[in-house]
Amino acid sequence: MGIFNFHFRANEKNSLIKPDFIAVDFETANSRRNSACAIGIATVKDLNVVDSYYSLLNPPGCRFSKKNIEIHGIRPQDVSNAPTLAGLWPNINRYFCGIPVVAHNAPFDMSVLKCSLGDAEEFIGDFEYVDTITMARKFLSGHHDLETCVDCLGLSLENHHNARADAIACAQIAIECIKMAGVNNLSDFCSELNVNSFLFSRMRNWEDPLQRYPEAVRPSEIQPCNTDFDCNHILYGKNVVFTGELSISRREAMQRAADVGAIIKSAVSSRTDYLVVGRQDPSLVGDDGMSTSQERAARLMDEGKASICVIGEYEFMHLLRNEGILI
């Protein structure tokens, strides 16, 4: 695959047609937000994807994690001659200047953009961005990952985790949502359905992205430090799920629970005993401020299929100390 292959549609006067909005997707080399190793952009005009762009990127130190390579298939040797995002920026910055941007899980992609540009960030023209997860939640229930949304909307995604393919899929999700809302453009969609857009310049500072964003940890990665449990502990044998950001890392919270005999789960089910809720990113949750895990817990309880105790960090810490809580 070529590194540069962005083609712009021109009118008869040989001037570029300004997109109505663009969709952007990043792949990263590792868990750090400054490690962009690929970018994909899809341009939308009159509710049609009219062009797309793809470039490999050379991240700082060219450090790739095995996990990320397994996800997107990009290896260090693939990007040895690729530009950094800062080096590429003069070629693509015009498409971020005053043109709305959509992304699927936008806080991730916007933070990658911010961190990967480094000192070149000052050259970013300000723009508004909208999360297509929030858009999709207006019409789709259940999970809202990219593949699920594509399937539910009858779209196609042939090469998931290729940045170009994902950007095109993201653009198509936005287009379908706009059409289903019966409006003609992204701005009207946000106004009519009360979907928030955010200014890039006002997004919070991701100085230490590993500490400022909930870490993705598989329950299988957490093993109790000992197996000499107190079988009378409140959390012993209880199924515990975490959502949102706590004052401690997700890994540490899961470890503390496992060390007293709790069973850590990745998703809410009818067997969940405790759902621990931390601070939620407002651009990722629904209009009610609830995460997908909270919504599922509420639905299961409303249907009489589960008895889940939804608690905050303060109550969780009480339970770790084997102290009861008032609910």
C-alpha atoms as a PDB file:
ATOM      1  CA  MET A   1       0.000   0.000   0.000  1.00  0.00           C
ATOM      2  CA  GLY A   2       1.318   3.421  -0.900  1.00  0.00           C
ATOM      3  CA  ILE A   3       2.128   6.000   1.699  1.00  0.00           C
ATOM      4  CA  PHE A   4       0.584   8.957  -0.106  1.00  0.00           C
ATOM      5  CA  ASN A   5      -2.497   8.620  -2.256  1.00  0.00           C
ATOM      6  CA  PHE A   6      -4.906  11.434  -1.477  1.00  0.00           C
ATOM      7  CA  HIS A   7      -6.779  12.707  -4.516  1.00  0.00           C
ATOM      8  CA  PHE A   8      -8.915  15.824  -4.432  1.00  0.00           C
ATOM      9  CA  ARG A   9     -11.948  16.397  -6.609  1.00  0.00           C
ATOM     10  CA  ALA A  10     -11.717  19.719  -8.470  1.00  0.00           C
ATOM     11  CA  ASN A  11     -14.356  21.721 -10.267  1.00  0.00           C
ATOM     12  CA  GLU A  12     -14.051  23.237 -13.735  1.00  0.00           C
ATOM     13  CA  LYS A  13     -12.115  26.203 -12.375  1.00  0.00           C
ATOM     14  CA  ASN A  14      -9.545  23.802 -10.914  1.00  0.00           C
ATOM     15  CA  SER A  15     -10.274  24.825  -7.336  1.00  0.00           C
ATOM     16  CA  LEU A  16     -10.818  22.322  -4.575  1.00  0.00           C
ATOM     17  CA  ILE A  17     -14.357  21.571  -3.482  1.00  0.00           C
ATOM     18  CA  LYS A  18     -14.674  22.189   0.234  1.00  0.00           C
ATOM     19  CA  PRO A  19     -16.038  19.100   2.048  1.00  0.00           C
ATOM     20  CA  ASP A  20     -19.129  19.387   4.255  1.00  0.00           C
ATOM     21  CA  PHE A  21     -17.228  17.377   6.843  1.00  0.00           C
ATOM     22  CA  ILE A  22     -14.434  14.833   7.074  1.00  0.00           C
ATOM     23  CA  ALA A  23     -14.044  11.591   9.004  1.00  0.00           C
ATOM     24  CA  VAL A  24     -10.684  10.719  10.508  1.00  0.00           C
ATOM     25  CA  ASP A  25      -9.208   7.548  11.983  1.00  0.00           C
ATOM     26  CA  PHE A  26      -5.840   6.830  13.560  1.00  0.00           C
ATOM     27  CA  GLU A  27      -4.015   3.603  14.308  1.00  0.00           C
ATOM     28  CA  THR A  28      -1.358   3.685  17.020  1.00  0.00           C
ATOM     29  CA  ALA A  29       1.878   1.771  17.459  1.00  0.00           C
ATOM     30  CA  ASN A  30       1.424   1.259  21.186  1.00  0.00           C
ATOM     31  CA  SER A  31      -0.749   2.390  24.080  1.00  0.00           C
ATOM     32  CA  ARG A  32       0.601   5.927  24.085  1.00  0.00           C
ATOM     33  CA  ARG A  33      -1.472   8.595  22.367  1.00  0.00           C
ATOM     34  CA  ASN A  34       1.573  10.120  20.623  1.00  0.00           C
ATOM     35  CA  SER A  35       2.290   6.914  18.682  1.00  0.00           C
ATOM     36  CA  ALA A  36       0.156   7.410  15.548  1.00  0.00           C
ATOM     37  CA  CYS A  37       1.347   4.960  12.887  1.00  0.00           C
ATOM     38  CA  ALA A  38      -1.422   5.462  10.292  1.00  0.00           C
ATOM     39  CA  ILE A  39      -4.052   8.041   9.446  1.00  0.00           C
ATOM     40  CA  GLY A  40      -7.123   7.719   7.281  1.00  0.00           C
ATOM     41  CA  ILE A  41      -9.412  10.529   6.142  1.00  0.00           C
ATOM     42  CA  ALA A  42     -12.704  10.370   4.260  1.00  0.00           C
ATOM     43  CA  THR A  43     -14.183  13.556   2.789  1.00  0.00           C
ATOM     44  CA  VAL A  44     -17.959  13.999   2.572  1.00  0.00           C
ATOM     45  CA  LYS A  45     -19.898  16.291   0.241  1.00  0.00           C
ATOM     46  CA  ASP A  46     -23.683  16.306  -0.158  1.00  0.00           C
ATOM     47  CA  LEU A  47     -23.976  13.151   1.988  1.00  0.00           C
ATOM     48  CA  ASN A  48     -21.567  11.186  -0.183  1.00  0.00           C
ATOM     49  CA  VAL A  49     -18.016  10.042   0.475  1.00  0.00           C
ATOM     50  CA  VAL A  50     -16.248  11.778  -2.399  1.00  0.00           C
ATOM     51  CA  ASP A  51     -12.632  10.951  -1.607  1.00  0.00           C
ATOM     52  CA  SER A  52     -10.297   9.304   0.878  1.00  0.00           C
ATOM     53  CA  TYR A  53      -6.722   9.499   2.072  1.00  0.00           C
ATOM     54  CA  TYR A  54      -4.258   7.121   3.707  1.00  0.00           C
ATOM     55  CA  SER A  55      -0.755   7.517   5.038  1.00  0.00           C
ATOM     56  CA  LEU A  56       1.505   5.420   7.195  1.00  0.00           C
ATOM     57  CA  LEU A  57       3.213   7.414   9.948  1.00  0.00           C
ATOM     58  CA  ASN A  58       6.496   6.978  11.780  1.00  0.00           C
ATOM     59  CA  PRO A  59       5.861   7.176  15.550  1.00  0.00           C
ATOM     60  CA  PRO A  60       8.467   8.385  18.095  1.00  0.00           C
ATOM     61  CA  GLY A  61      11.226   5.802  18.436  1.00  0.00           C
ATOM     62  CA  CYS A  62       9.281   3.493  16.109  1.00  0.00           C
ATOM     63  CA  ARG A  63       8.190   1.521  19.187  1.00  0.00           C
ATOM     64  CA  PHE A  64       5.419  -0.977  18.435  1.00  0.00           C
ATOM     65  CA  SER A  65       3.676  -3.231  20.909  1.00  0.00           C
ATOM     66  CA  LYS A  66       2.840  -6.814  19.980  1.00  0.00           C
ATOM     67  CA  LYS A  67      -0.800  -6.217  20.885  1.00  0.00           C
ATOM     68  CA  ASN A  68      -1.158  -3.261  18.508  1.00  0.00           C
ATOM     69  CA  ILE A  69       0.599  -5.096  15.676  1.00  0.00           C
ATOM     70  CA  GLU A  70      -1.892  -7.948  16.097  1.00  0.00           C
ATOM     71  CA  ILE A  71      -4.739  -5.445  15.777  1.00  0.00           C
ATOM     72  CA  HIS A  72      -3.717  -3.495  12.666  1.00  0.00           C
ATOM     73  CA  GLY A  73      -0.857  -5.500  11.169  1.00  0.00           C
ATOM     74  CA  ILE A  74       1.477  -2.516  10.824  1.00  0.00           C
ATOM     75  CA  ARG A  75       5.114  -3.300  11.730  1.00  0.00           C
ATOM     76  CA  PRO A  76       8.182  -1.084  12.315  1.00  0.00           C
ATOM     77  CA  GLN A  77       9.646  -1.931   8.908  1.00  0.00           C
ATOM     78  CA  ASP A  78       6.433  -0.747   7.234  1.00  0.00           C
ATOM     79  CA  VAL A  79       6.877   2.814   8.487  1.00  0.00           C
ATOM     80  CA  SER A  80      10.650   3.179   8.215  1.00  0.00           C
ATOM     81  CA  ASN A  81      10.300   5.638   5.315  1.00  0.00           C
ATOM     82  CA  ALA A  82       7.002   7.176   6.401  1.00  0.00           C
ATOM     83  CA  PRO A  83       6.729  10.752   7.683  1.00  0.00           C
ATOM     84  CA  THR A  84       5.823  11.699  11.200  1.00  0.00           C
ATOM     85  CA  LEU A  85       2.402  13.242  11.636  1.00  0.00           C
ATOM     86  CA  ALA A  86       4.089  16.616  12.182  1.00  0.00           C
ATOM     87  CA  GLY A  87       6.012  16.167   8.927  1.00  0.00           C
ATOM     88  CA  LEU A  88       2.850  15.242   7.057  1.00  0.00           C
ATOM     89  CA  TRP A  89       0.747  17.990   8.591  1.00  0.00           C
ATOM     90  CA  PRO A  90       1.482  20.767   6.039  1.00  0.00           C
ATOM     91  CA  ASN A  91      -0.078  18.518   3.385  1.00  0.00           C
ATOM     92  CA  ILE A  92      -3.336  17.869   5.230  1.00  0.00           C
ATOM     93  CA  ASN A  93      -3.877  20.687   7.737  1.00  0.00           C
ATOM     94  CA  ARG A  94      -6.186  22.606   5.380  1.00  0.00           C
ATOM     95  CA  TYR A  95      -8.791  19.874   5.856  1.00  0.00           C
ATOM     96  CA  PHE A  96      -8.902  20.491   9.604  1.00  0.00           C
ATOM     97  CA  CYS A  97      -9.279  24.264   9.361  1.00  0.00           C
ATOM     98  CA  GLY A  98     -12.868  25.239   9.977  1.00  0.00           C
ATOM     99  CA  ILE A  99     -14.255  21.969   8.575  1.00  0.00           C
ATOM    100  CA  PRO A 100     -16.272  19.750  10.956  1.00  0.00           C
ATOM    101  CA  VAL A 101     -14.676  16.416  11.824  1.00  0.00           C
ATOM    102  CA  VAL A 102     -16.318  13.154  12.842  1.00  0.00           C
ATOM    103  CA  ALA A 103     -14.604  10.156  14.398  1.00  0.00           C
ATOM    104  CA  HIS A 104     -15.772   6.936  15.996  1.00  0.00           C
ATOM    105  CA  ASN A 105     -14.796   7.284  19.648  1.00  0.00           C
ATOM    106  CA  ALA A 106     -13.670  10.825  18.900  1.00  0.00           C
ATOM    107  CA  PRO A 107     -11.866  11.489  22.223  1.00  0.00           C
ATOM    108  CA  PHE A 108      -9.350   8.781  21.276  1.00  0.00           C
ATOM    109  CA  ASP A 109      -8.636  10.077  17.766  1.00  0.00           C
ATOM    110  CA  MET A 110      -8.579  13.728  18.849  1.00  0.00           C
ATOM    111  CA  SER A 111      -6.120  12.956  21.637  1.00  0.00           C
ATOM    112  CA  VAL A 112      -3.924  11.014  19.187  1.00  0.00           C
ATOM    113  CA  LEU A 113      -3.970  14.017  16.856  1.00  0.00           C
ATOM    114  CA  LYS A 114      -3.096  16.372  19.696  1.00  0.00           C
ATOM    115  CA  CYS A 115      -0.314  14.238  21.173  1.00  0.00           C
ATOM    116  CA  SER A 116       1.231  12.961  17.936  1.00  0.00           C
ATOM    117  CA  LEU A 117       1.683  16.475  16.547  1.00  0.00           C
ATOM    118  CA  GLY A 118       3.704  17.491  19.590  1.00  0.00           C
ATOM    119  CA  ASP A 119       5.112  21.001  19.189  1.00  0.00           C
ATOM    120  CA  ALA A 120       3.438  21.292  15.775  1.00  0.00           C
ATOM    121  CA  GLU A 121       0.064  21.356  17.529  1.00  0.00           C
ATOM    122  CA  GLU A 122       0.139  25.159  17.436  1.00  0.00           C
ATOM    123  CA  PHE A 123      -0.362  24.974  13.666  1.00  0.00           C
ATOM    124  CA  ILE A 124      -3.709  23.184  13.950  1.00  0.00           C
ATOM    125  CA  GLY A 125      -6.563  25.384  12.831  1.00  0.00           C
ATOM    126  CA  ASP A 126      -9.485  25.052  15.220  1.00  0.00           C
ATOM    127  CA  PHE A 127     -12.431  22.883  14.259  1.00  0.00           C
ATOM    128  CA  GLU A 128     -15.510  21.248  15.755  1.00  0.00           C
ATOM    129  CA  TYR A 129     -15.704  17.485  16.108  1.00  0.00           C
ATOM    130  CA  VAL A 130     -18.576  15.086  16.683  1.00  0.00           C
ATOM    131  CA  ASP A 131     -18.454  11.498  17.914  1.00  0.00           C
ATOM    132  CA  THR A 132     -20.272   9.067  15.625  1.00  0.00           C
ATOM    133  CA  ILE A 133     -20.849   6.794  18.638  1.00  0.00           C
ATOM    134  CA  THR A 134     -23.083   9.524  20.049  1.00  0.00           C
ATOM    135  CA  MET A 135     -24.788   9.877  16.672  1.00  0.00           C
ATOM    136  CA  ALA A 136     -25.391   6.135  16.385  1.00  0.00           C
ATOM    137  CA  ARG A 137     -26.860   5.943  19.883  1.00  0.00           C
ATOM    138  CA  LYS A 138     -29.775   8.021  18.646  1.00  0.00           C
ATOM    139  CA  PHE A 139     -30.919   5.104  16.496  1.00  0.00           C
ATOM    140  CA  LEU A 140     -29.095   1.928  17.539  1.00  0.00           C
ATOM    141  CA  SER A 141     -29.297   0.026  20.806  1.00  0.00           C
ATOM    142  CA  GLY A 142     -26.728  -2.369  22.236  1.00  0.00           C
ATOM    143  CA  HIS A 143     -23.040  -2.067  21.497  1.00  0.00           C
ATOM    144  CA  HIS A 144     -21.779   0.840  19.401  1.00  0.00           C
ATOM    145  CA  ASP A 145     -18.332  -0.271  18.272  1.00  0.00           C
ATOM    146  CA  LEU A 146     -17.515   0.414  14.634  1.00  0.00           C
ATOM    147  CA  GLU A 147     -18.188  -3.101  13.337  1.00  0.00           C
ATOM    148  CA  THR A 148     -21.535  -3.383  15.139  1.00  0.00           C
ATOM    149  CA  CYS A 149     -22.731  -0.009  13.852  1.00  0.00           C
ATOM    150  CA  VAL A 150     -21.691  -0.905  10.309  1.00  0.00           C
ATOM    151  CA  ASP A 151     -23.591  -4.207  10.499  1.00  0.00           C
ATOM    152  CA  CYS A 152     -26.717  -2.665  12.018  1.00  0.00           C
ATOM    153  CA  LEU A 153     -26.829   0.031   9.336  1.00  0.00           C
ATOM    154  CA  GLY A 154     -26.297  -2.413   6.472  1.00  0.00           C
ATOM    155  CA  LEU A 155     -22.918  -0.943   5.532  1.00  0.00           C
ATOM    156  CA  SER A 156     -19.704  -2.752   4.626  1.00  0.00           C
ATOM    157  CA  LEU A 157     -16.300  -2.780   6.299  1.00  0.00           C
ATOM    158  CA  GLU A 158     -13.888  -5.092   4.532  1.00  0.00           C
ATOM    159  CA  ASN A 159     -10.600  -4.188   6.187  1.00  0.00           C
ATOM    160  CA  HIS A 160     -11.253  -3.207   9.805  1.00  0.00           C
ATOM    161  CA  HIS A 161      -8.325  -1.415  11.500  1.00  0.00           C
ATOM    162  CA  ASN A 162      -7.060  -0.091   8.202  1.00  0.00           C
ATOM    163  CA  ALA A 163      -7.252   3.640   8.894  1.00  0.00           C
ATOM    164  CA  ARG A 164      -8.690   4.487   5.476  1.00  0.00           C
ATOM    165  CA  ALA A 165     -11.354   1.765   5.676  1.00  0.00           C
ATOM    166  CA  ASP A 166     -12.324   2.772   9.199  1.00  0.00           C
ATOM    167  CA  ALA A 167     -12.515   6.469   8.263  1.00  0.00           C
ATOM    168  CA  ILE A 168     -14.793   5.661   5.331  1.00  0.00           C
ATOM    169  CA  ALA A 169     -16.977   3.485   7.574  1.00  0.00           C
ATOM    170  CA  CYS A 170     -17.138   6.282  10.127  1.00  0.00           C
ATOM    171  CA  ALA A 171     -18.192   8.753   7.434  1.00  0.00           C
ATOM    172  CA  GLN A 172     -20.877   6.352   6.201  1.00  0.00           C
ATOM    173  CA  ILE A 173     -22.236   5.910   9.734  1.00  0.00           C
ATOM    174  CA  ALA A 174     -22.524   9.690  10.059  1.00  0.00           C
ATOM    175  CA  ILE A 175     -24.220   9.924   6.649  1.00  0.00           C
ATOM    176  CA  GLU A 176     -26.758   7.205   7.491  1.00  0.00           C
ATOM    177  CA  CYS A 177     -27.564   8.833  10.839  1.00  0.00           C
ATOM    178  CA  ILE A 178     -28.115  12.194   9.140  1.00  0.00           C
ATOM    179  CA  LYS A 179     -30.429  10.573   6.596  1.00  0.00           C
ATOM    180  CA  MET A 180     -32.402   8.703   9.276  1.00  0.00           C
ATOM    181  CA  ALA A 181     -32.865  11.979  11.147  1.00  0.00           C
ATOM    182  CA  GLY A 182     -34.483  13.467   8.049  1.00  0.00           C
ATOM    183  CA  VAL A 183     -32.059  16.386   7.863  1.00  0.00           C
ATOM    184  CA  ASN A 184     -29.570  17.463   5.230  1.00  0.00           C
ATOM    185  CA  ASN A 185     -26.305  18.058   7.036  1.00  0.00           C
ATOM    186  CA  LEU A 186     -24.266  17.411  10.163  1.00  0.00           C
ATOM    187  CA  SER A 187     -25.039  20.784  11.736  1.00  0.00           C
ATOM    188  CA  ASP A 188     -28.806  20.258  11.461  1.00  0.00           C
ATOM    189  CA  PHE A 189     -28.424  16.731  12.853  1.00  0.00           C
ATOM    190  CA  CYS A 190     -26.656  18.023  15.954  1.00  0.00           C
ATOM    191  CA  SER A 191     -29.247  20.766  16.427  1.00  0.00           C
ATOM    192  CA  GLU A 192     -32.327  18.614  15.866  1.00  0.00           C
ATOM    193  CA  LEU A 193     -31.189  15.613  17.909  1.00  0.00           C
ATOM    194  CA  ASN A 194     -29.352  17.567  20.593  1.00  0.00           C
ATOM    195  CA  VAL A 195     -25.957  16.007  19.879  1.00  0.00           C
ATOM    196  CA  ASN A 196     -22.977  17.932  21.214  1.00  0.00           C
ATOM    197  CA  SER A 197     -20.064  19.043  19.083  1.00  0.00           C
ATOM    198  CA  PHE A 198     -16.782  20.021  20.695  1.00  0.00           C
ATOM    199  CA  LEU A 199     -14.046  22.492  19.830  1.00  0.00           C
ATOM    200  CA  PHE A 200     -10.667  20.849  19.368  1.00  0.00           C
ATOM    201  CA  SER A 201      -8.925  23.804  21.011  1.00  0.00           C
ATOM    202  CA  ARG A 202     -10.895  23.251  24.213  1.00  0.00           C
ATOM    203  CA  MET A 203     -10.275  19.551  24.658  1.00  0.00           C
ATOM    204  CA  ARG A 204      -8.482  18.734  27.856  1.00  0.00           C
ATOM    205  CA  ASN A 205      -4.721  18.423  27.983  1.00  0.00           C
ATOM    206  CA  TRP A 206      -3.524  14.860  27.499  1.00  0.00           C
ATOM    207  CA  GLU A 207      -0.079  15.404  29.015  1.00  0.00           C
ATOM    208  CA  ASP A 208       0.087  11.828  30.286  1.00  0.00           C
ATOM    209  CA  PRO A 209      -2.393   9.814  28.257  1.00  0.00           C
ATOM    210  CA  LEU A 210      -1.615   6.583  30.064  1.00  0.00           C
ATOM    211  CA  GLN A 211      -2.818   8.125  33.320  1.00  0.00           C
ATOM    212  CA  ARG A 212      -5.576  10.351  31.974  1.00  0.00           C
ATOM    213  CA  TYR A 213      -7.640   7.756  30.140  1.00  0.00           C
ATOM    214  CA  PRO A 214      -9.084   4.467  31.456  1.00  0.00           C
ATOM    215  CA  GLU A 215      -6.650   1.685  30.654  1.00  0.00           C
ATOM    216  CA  ALA A 216      -7.997  -1.234  28.649  1.00  0.00           C
ATOM    217  CA  VAL A 217      -7.329  -4.271  30.845  1.00  0.00           C
ATOM    218  CA  ARG A 218      -8.596  -7.778  30.207  1.00  0.00           C
ATOM    219  CA  PRO A 219      -9.877  -9.601  33.319  1.00  0.00           C
ATOM    220  CA  SER A 220      -7.661 -12.528  32.308  1.00  0.00           C
ATOM    221  CA  GLU A 221      -4.631 -10.297  32.926  1.00  0.00           C
ATOM    222  CA  ILE A 222      -5.545  -9.908  36.591  1.00  0.00           C
ATOM    223  CA  GLN A 223      -4.540 -12.690  38.960  1.00  0.00           C
ATOM    224  CA  PRO A 224      -4.924 -12.480  42.762  1.00  0.00           C
ATOM    225  CA  CYS A 225      -1.687 -12.003  44.659  1.00  0.00           C
ATOM    226  CA  ASN A 226      -2.722 -14.830  46.992  1.00  0.00           C
ATOM    227  CA  THR A 227      -5.538 -17.355  47.203  1.00  0.00           C
ATOM    228  CA  ASP A 228      -5.943 -17.333  50.976  1.00  0.00           C
ATOM    229  CA  PHE A 229      -9.242 -15.463  50.807  1.00  0.00           C
ATOM    230  CA  ASP A 230     -11.567 -14.505  53.613  1.00  0.00           C
ATOM    231  CA  CYS A 231     -14.702 -16.303  52.482  1.00  0.00           C
ATOM    232  CA  ASN A 232     -16.774 -13.909  54.596  1.00  0.00           C
ATOM    233  CA  HIS A 233     -15.523 -10.827  52.749  1.00  0.00           C
ATOM    234  CA  ILE A 234     -18.324  -8.824  51.155  1.00  0.00           C
ATOM    235  CA  LEU A 235     -16.742  -9.093  47.691  1.00  0.00           C
ATOM    236  CA  TYR A 236     -15.662 -12.733  47.894  1.00  0.00           C
ATOM    237  CA  GLY A 237     -17.046 -14.646  44.916  1.00  0.00           C
ATOM    238  CA  LYS A 238     -18.895 -11.589  43.606  1.00  0.00           C
ATOM    239  CA  ASN A 239     -18.890 -10.658  39.920  1.00  0.00           C
ATOM    240  CA  VAL A 240     -17.579  -7.090  39.539  1.00  0.00           C
ATOM    241  CA  VAL A 241     -17.549  -4.866  36.433  1.00  0.00           C
ATOM    242  CA  PHE A 242     -15.881  -1.447  36.111  1.00  0.00           C
ATOM    243  CA  THR A 243     -16.892   1.474  33.899  1.00  0.00           C
ATOM    244  CA  GLY A 244     -15.472   4.993  33.662  1.00  0.00           C
ATOM    245  CA  GLU A 245     -12.350   6.512  35.160  1.00  0.00           C
ATOM    246  CA  LEU A 246     -11.437   6.188  38.849  1.00  0.00           C
ATOM    247  CA  SER A 247      -8.812   8.107  40.811  1.00  0.00           C
ATOM    248  CA  ILE A 248      -6.712   4.943  40.670  1.00  0.00           C
ATOM    249  CA  SER A 249      -5.939   3.071  37.458  1.00  0.00           C
ATOM    250  CA  ARG A 250      -8.384   0.502  36.125  1.00  0.00           C
ATOM    251  CA  ARG A 251      -5.728  -2.186  36.562  1.00  0.00           C
ATOM    252  CA  GLU A 252      -5.154  -1.309  40.221  1.00  0.00           C
ATOM    253  CA  ALA A 253      -8.881  -1.258  40.965  1.00  0.00           C
ATOM    254  CA  MET A 254      -9.341  -4.667  39.347  1.00  0.00           C
ATOM    255  CA  GLN A 255      -6.316  -6.032  41.200  1.00  0.00           C
ATOM    256  CA  ARG A 256      -7.585  -4.839  44.580  1.00  0.00           C
ATOM    257  CA  ALA A 257     -10.932  -6.495  43.947  1.00  0.00           C
ATOM    258  CA  ALA A 258      -9.322  -9.750  42.808  1.00  0.00           C
ATOM    259  CA  ASP A 259      -7.090  -9.810  45.883  1.00  0.00           C
ATOM    260  CA  VAL A 260     -10.146 -10.111  48.159  1.00  0.00           C
ATOM    261  CA  GLY A 261     -11.683 -12.864  46.053  1.00  0.00           C
ATOM    262  CA  ALA A 262     -13.904 -10.918  43.650  1.00  0.00           C
ATOM    263  CA  ILE A 263     -14.427 -12.224  40.120  1.00  0.00           C
ATOM    264  CA  ILE A 264     -13.597  -9.535  37.565  1.00  0.00           C
ATOM    265  CA  LYS A 265     -15.771  -9.400  34.466  1.00  0.00           C
ATOM    266  CA  SER A 266     -15.459  -7.249  31.339  1.00  0.00           C
ATOM    267  CA  ALA A 267     -19.164  -6.750  30.661  1.00  0.00           C
ATOM    268  CA  VAL A 268     -22.435  -6.469  32.558  1.00  0.00           C
ATOM    269  CA  SER A 269     -24.645  -9.554  32.538  1.00  0.00           C
ATOM    270  CA  SER A 270     -27.480 -11.047  34.557  1.00  0.00           C
ATOM    271  CA  ARG A 271     -24.826 -12.525  36.852  1.00  0.00           C
ATOM    272  CA  THR A 272     -23.172  -9.199  37.698  1.00  0.00           C
ATOM    273  CA  ASP A 273     -23.243  -8.363  41.402  1.00  0.00           C
ATOM    274  CA  TYR A 274     -21.514  -4.957  41.439  1.00  0.00           C
ATOM    275  CA  LEU A 275     -21.040  -2.309  38.765  1.00  0.00           C
ATOM    276  CA  VAL A 276     -18.397   0.217  39.859  1.00  0.00           C
ATOM    277  CA  VAL A 277     -18.954   3.543  38.102  1.00  0.00           C
ATOM    278  CA  GLY A 278     -16.217   6.140  37.703  1.00  0.00           C
ATOM    279  CA  ARG A 279     -16.128   9.483  35.908  1.00  0.00           C
ATOM    280  CA  GLN A 280     -17.547   9.253  32.396  1.00  0.00           C
ATOM    281  CA  ASP A 281     -16.363  11.151  29.325  1.00  0.00           C
ATOM    282  CA  PRO A 282     -19.436  13.205  28.304  1.00  0.00           C
ATOM    283  CA  SER A 283     -18.655  12.754  24.614  1.00  0.00           C
ATOM    284  CA  LEU A 284     -18.760   8.959  24.937  1.00  0.00           C
ATOM    285  CA  VAL A 285     -21.913   8.473  26.986  1.00  0.00           C
ATOM    286  CA  GLY A 286     -25.529   8.984  26.043  1.00  0.00           C
ATOM    287  CA  ASP A 287     -27.611  12.049  26.708  1.00  0.00           C
ATOM    288  CA  ASP A 288     -28.528  10.583  30.109  1.00  0.00           C
ATOM    289  CA  GLY A 289     -24.845  10.544  31.081  1.00  0.00           C
ATOM    290  CA  MET A 290     -24.827   6.758  31.353  1.00  0.00           C
ATOM    291  CA  SER A 291     -22.223   4.465  29.829  1.00  0.00           C
ATOM    292  CA  THR A 292     -23.203   1.383  27.851  1.00  0.00           C
ATOM    293  CA  SER A 293     -22.521  -0.739  30.950  1.00  0.00           C
ATOM    294  CA  GLN A 294     -24.810   1.430  33.078  1.00  0.00           C
ATOM    295  CA  GLU A 295     -27.545   1.328  30.447  1.00  0.00           C
ATOM    296  CA  ARG A 296     -27.345  -2.464  30.230  1.00  0.00           C
ATOM    297  CA  ALA A 297     -27.437  -2.812  34.012  1.00  0.00           C
ATOM    298  CA  ALA A 298     -30.501  -0.582  34.200  1.00  0.00           C
ATOM    299  CA  ARG A 299     -32.228  -2.522  31.427  1.00  0.00           C
ATOM    300  CA  LEU A 300     -31.554  -5.899  33.058  1.00  0.00           C
ATOM    301  CA  MET A 301     -32.877  -4.663  36.384  1.00  0.00           C
ATOM    302  CA  ASP A 302     -35.948  -3.073  34.793  1.00  0.00           C
ATOM    303  CA  GLU A 303     -36.698  -6.409  33.137  1.00  0.00           C
ATOM    304  CA  GLY A 304     -36.257  -8.249  36.428  1.00  0.00           C
ATOM    305  CA  LYS A 305     -33.356 -10.280  35.036  1.00  0.00           C
ATOM    306  CA  ALA A 306     -30.662  -9.088  37.436  1.00  0.00           C
ATOM    307  CA  SER A 307     -30.030  -7.574  40.845  1.00  0.00           C
ATOM    308  CA  ILE A 308     -27.004  -5.362  40.315  1.00  0.00           C
ATOM    309  CA  CYS A 309     -25.611  -3.011  42.927  1.00  0.00           C
ATOM    310  CA  VAL A 310     -24.380   0.116  41.109  1.00  0.00           C
ATOM    311  CA  ILE A 311     -21.802   1.942  43.213  1.00  0.00           C
ATOM    312  CA  GLY A 312     -19.199   4.690  42.938  1.00  0.00           C
ATOM    313  CA  GLU A 313     -15.526   4.680  43.857  1.00  0.00           C
ATOM    314  CA  TYR A 314     -16.215   5.769  47.442  1.00  0.00           C
ATOM    315  CA  GLU A 315     -18.524   2.799  48.037  1.00  0.00           C
ATOM    316  CA  PHE A 316     -16.097   0.467  46.272  1.00  0.00           C
ATOM    317  CA  MET A 317     -13.310   1.472  48.648  1.00  0.00           C
ATOM    318  CA  HIS A 318     -15.614   0.778  51.592  1.00  0.00           C
ATOM    319  CA  LEU A 319     -16.327  -2.685  50.240  1.00  0.00           C
ATOM    320  CA  LEU A 320     -12.617  -3.405  49.803  1.00  0.00           C
ATOM    321  CA  ARG A 321     -12.200  -2.692  53.514  1.00  0.00           C
ATOM    322  CA  ASN A 322     -15.043  -5.168  54.130  1.00  0.00           C
ATOM    323  CA  GLU A 323     -17.248  -2.354  55.363  1.00  0.00           C
ATOM    324  CA  GLY A 324     -20.915  -2.320  54.481  1.00  0.00           C
ATOM    325  CA  ILE A 325     -22.434   0.536  52.498  1.00  0.00           C
ATOM    326  CA  LEU A 326     -25.781   2.234  52.711  1.00  0.00           C
ATOM    327  CA  ILE A 327     -27.781   2.099  49.497  1.00  0.00           C
END
